Amino acid sequence: MYLPAFNVEFAHPSREAGAAFVPCPALVVLDDILCEQEEWTVGKDNCVRLGGQMLQLPTGIAITTSRPR
């Protein structure tokens, strides 16, 4: 319901015909730009600290973990 109402209020035709997409330059490695990797330590209470916040991971989902070293 929200999206159709939003589109009615704010959608408008483009000024120019055609797609706005442009090809990615060949020298750009998207895997380096679009991938962010973090190393987390999951506590026994299923929580991790990220950016100064404590986040609790949902139970019942597959989470790849390793044993403490």
N, C-alpha and C. Protein backbone atom coordinates (compact mmCIF):
# COMPACT_ATOMS: atom_id res chain seq x y z
N MET A 1 0.81 -1.19 0.00
CA MET A 1 0.00 0.00 0.00
C MET A 1 0.86 1.26 0.00
N TYR A 2 1.97 1.24 0.73
CA TYR A 2 2.80 2.44 0.82
C TYR A 2 3.40 2.81 -0.54
N LEU A 3 4.01 1.83 -1.23
CA LEU A 3 4.70 2.13 -2.48
C LEU A 3 3.77 2.69 -3.56
N PRO A 4 2.61 2.09 -3.80
CA PRO A 4 1.72 2.69 -4.80
C PRO A 4 1.32 4.12 -4.45
N ALA A 5 1.03 4.39 -3.20
CA ALA A 5 0.66 5.75 -2.79
C ALA A 5 1.85 6.70 -2.96
N PHE A 6 3.04 6.24 -2.64
CA PHE A 6 4.25 7.04 -2.81
C PHE A 6 4.46 7.35 -4.29
N ASN A 7 4.31 6.34 -5.14
CA ASN A 7 4.49 6.54 -6.58
C ASN A 7 3.49 7.52 -7.16
N VAL A 8 2.25 7.46 -6.72
CA VAL A 8 1.23 8.39 -7.22
C VAL A 8 1.63 9.82 -6.87
N GLU A 9 2.16 10.02 -5.68
CA GLU A 9 2.50 11.37 -5.23
C GLU A 9 3.81 11.89 -5.84
N PHE A 10 4.82 11.02 -5.95
CA PHE A 10 6.15 11.51 -6.30
C PHE A 10 6.67 11.10 -7.67
N ALA A 11 6.09 10.12 -8.32
CA ALA A 11 6.60 9.67 -9.62
C ALA A 11 6.32 10.72 -10.69
N HIS A 12 7.27 10.88 -11.57
CA HIS A 12 7.08 11.80 -12.70
C HIS A 12 7.89 11.27 -13.89
N PRO A 13 7.49 11.59 -15.10
CA PRO A 13 8.21 11.09 -16.27
C PRO A 13 9.61 11.71 -16.36
N SER A 14 10.54 10.95 -16.94
CA SER A 14 11.90 11.47 -17.10
C SER A 14 11.93 12.56 -18.16
N ARG A 15 12.93 13.42 -18.07
CA ARG A 15 13.08 14.51 -19.06
C ARG A 15 13.56 13.99 -20.40
N GLU A 16 14.34 12.89 -20.36
CA GLU A 16 14.91 12.34 -21.58
C GLU A 16 14.51 10.88 -21.72
N ALA A 17 14.34 10.44 -22.96
CA ALA A 17 14.01 9.04 -23.21
C ALA A 17 15.27 8.18 -23.08
N GLY A 18 15.10 6.90 -22.81
CA GLY A 18 16.23 5.98 -22.74
C GLY A 18 16.61 5.65 -21.32
N ALA A 19 17.58 4.76 -21.19
CA ALA A 19 18.05 4.31 -19.89
C ALA A 19 19.11 5.25 -19.34
N ALA A 20 19.18 5.36 -18.04
CA ALA A 20 20.17 6.20 -17.38
C ALA A 20 21.41 5.40 -16.99
N PHE A 21 21.41 4.10 -17.25
CA PHE A 21 22.54 3.26 -16.88
C PHE A 21 23.72 3.51 -17.79
N VAL A 22 24.91 3.49 -17.22
CA VAL A 22 26.13 3.62 -17.99
C VAL A 22 27.01 2.40 -17.71
N PRO A 23 27.80 1.97 -18.69
CA PRO A 23 28.65 0.81 -18.45
C PRO A 23 29.73 1.12 -17.41
N CYS A 24 30.09 0.11 -16.68
CA CYS A 24 31.16 0.23 -15.70
C CYS A 24 32.51 0.20 -16.43
N PRO A 25 33.43 1.12 -16.11
CA PRO A 25 34.74 1.10 -16.75
C PRO A 25 35.45 -0.24 -16.53
N ALA A 26 36.16 -0.70 -17.54
CA ALA A 26 36.81 -2.01 -17.49
C ALA A 26 37.83 -2.12 -16.36
N LEU A 27 38.46 -1.04 -15.98
CA LEU A 27 39.50 -1.09 -14.95
C LEU A 27 38.94 -1.13 -13.53
N VAL A 28 37.64 -0.93 -13.37
CA VAL A 28 37.02 -0.94 -12.06
C VAL A 28 36.68 -2.38 -11.67
N VAL A 29 37.16 -2.80 -10.51
CA VAL A 29 36.88 -4.14 -10.01
C VAL A 29 35.75 -4.01 -8.99
N LEU A 30 34.53 -4.34 -9.42
CA LEU A 30 33.36 -4.16 -8.56
C LEU A 30 33.43 -5.00 -7.30
N ASP A 31 34.08 -6.17 -7.35
CA ASP A 31 34.19 -7.00 -6.15
C ASP A 31 34.96 -6.27 -5.05
N ASP A 32 35.91 -5.41 -5.42
CA ASP A 32 36.66 -4.65 -4.41
C ASP A 32 35.85 -3.49 -3.85
N ILE A 33 34.94 -2.96 -4.64
CA ILE A 33 34.16 -1.80 -4.22
C ILE A 33 32.90 -2.22 -3.47
N LEU A 34 32.23 -3.25 -3.94
CA LEU A 34 30.91 -3.61 -3.40
C LEU A 34 30.96 -4.67 -2.32
N CYS A 35 32.14 -5.10 -1.94
CA CYS A 35 32.25 -6.15 -0.93
C CYS A 35 32.89 -5.58 0.33
N GLU A 36 32.23 -5.77 1.44
CA GLU A 36 32.80 -5.35 2.71
C GLU A 36 32.86 -6.56 3.62
N GLN A 37 34.02 -6.81 4.16
CA GLN A 37 34.18 -7.97 5.02
C GLN A 37 34.59 -7.51 6.41
N GLU A 38 34.00 -8.13 7.39
CA GLU A 38 34.29 -7.82 8.78
C GLU A 38 34.61 -9.11 9.51
N GLU A 39 35.46 -9.03 10.48
CA GLU A 39 35.73 -10.18 11.34
C GLU A 39 35.08 -9.92 12.68
N TRP A 40 34.17 -10.79 13.05
CA TRP A 40 33.41 -10.64 14.28
C TRP A 40 33.70 -11.80 15.21
N THR A 41 33.58 -11.53 16.47
CA THR A 41 33.61 -12.59 17.47
C THR A 41 32.20 -12.71 18.03
N VAL A 42 31.63 -13.89 17.88
CA VAL A 42 30.27 -14.13 18.37
C VAL A 42 30.37 -14.65 19.79
N GLY A 43 29.72 -13.97 20.71
CA GLY A 43 29.73 -14.38 22.11
C GLY A 43 28.80 -15.55 22.36
N LYS A 44 28.89 -16.10 23.54
CA LYS A 44 28.03 -17.23 23.91
C LYS A 44 26.56 -16.84 23.95
N ASP A 45 26.31 -15.53 24.07
CA ASP A 45 24.92 -15.05 24.08
C ASP A 45 24.44 -14.71 22.66
N ASN A 46 25.22 -15.11 21.64
CA ASN A 46 24.87 -14.93 20.23
C ASN A 46 24.89 -13.44 19.84
N CYS A 47 25.75 -12.64 20.49
CA CYS A 47 25.87 -11.23 20.20
C CYS A 47 27.23 -10.90 19.60
N VAL A 48 27.27 -9.87 18.77
CA VAL A 48 28.52 -9.35 18.20
C VAL A 48 28.54 -7.85 18.41
N ARG A 49 29.73 -7.28 18.45
CA ARG A 49 29.87 -5.83 18.55
C ARG A 49 30.27 -5.32 17.17
N LEU A 50 29.52 -4.33 16.68
CA LEU A 50 29.78 -3.76 15.36
C LEU A 50 29.62 -2.25 15.44
N GLY A 51 30.69 -1.52 15.19
CA GLY A 51 30.62 -0.07 15.20
C GLY A 51 30.16 0.52 16.51
N GLY A 52 30.56 -0.08 17.61
CA GLY A 52 30.18 0.44 18.91
C GLY A 52 28.80 0.00 19.38
N GLN A 53 28.12 -0.80 18.57
CA GLN A 53 26.80 -1.29 18.96
C GLN A 53 26.87 -2.79 19.19
N MET A 54 26.06 -3.27 20.11
CA MET A 54 25.96 -4.69 20.37
C MET A 54 24.75 -5.21 19.62
N LEU A 55 24.96 -6.19 18.76
CA LEU A 55 23.88 -6.76 17.96
C LEU A 55 23.69 -8.22 18.33
N GLN A 56 22.44 -8.62 18.50
CA GLN A 56 22.15 -10.02 18.79
C GLN A 56 21.73 -10.70 17.51
N LEU A 57 22.43 -11.76 17.14
CA LEU A 57 22.11 -12.52 15.93
C LEU A 57 20.89 -13.37 16.18
N PRO A 58 20.01 -13.49 15.21
CA PRO A 58 18.83 -14.33 15.38
C PRO A 58 19.21 -15.79 15.58
N THR A 59 18.44 -16.48 16.37
CA THR A 59 18.68 -17.91 16.55
C THR A 59 17.95 -18.68 15.47
N GLY A 60 18.42 -19.86 15.20
CA GLY A 60 17.74 -20.71 14.23
C GLY A 60 18.19 -20.49 12.80
N ILE A 61 19.21 -19.67 12.58
CA ILE A 61 19.74 -19.51 11.22
C ILE A 61 21.16 -20.05 11.20
N ALA A 62 21.60 -20.42 10.02
CA ALA A 62 22.94 -20.99 9.88
C ALA A 62 23.96 -19.86 9.90
N ILE A 63 24.85 -19.89 10.88
CA ILE A 63 25.91 -18.91 10.98
C ILE A 63 27.23 -19.66 11.00
N THR A 64 28.10 -19.29 10.07
CA THR A 64 29.40 -19.95 10.01
C THR A 64 30.28 -19.38 11.10
N THR A 65 30.73 -20.21 11.98
CA THR A 65 31.60 -19.78 13.06
C THR A 65 32.82 -20.69 13.13
N SER A 66 33.83 -20.21 13.76
CA SER A 66 35.01 -21.04 14.00
C SER A 66 35.23 -21.14 15.48
N ARG A 67 35.97 -22.12 15.88
CA ARG A 67 36.28 -22.32 17.30
C ARG A 67 37.31 -21.30 17.75
N PRO A 68 37.30 -20.94 19.02
CA PRO A 68 38.33 -20.03 19.53
C PRO A 68 39.73 -20.62 19.34
N ARG A 69 40.68 -19.75 19.12
CA ARG A 69 42.08 -20.21 18.90
C ARG A 69 42.78 -20.45 20.19
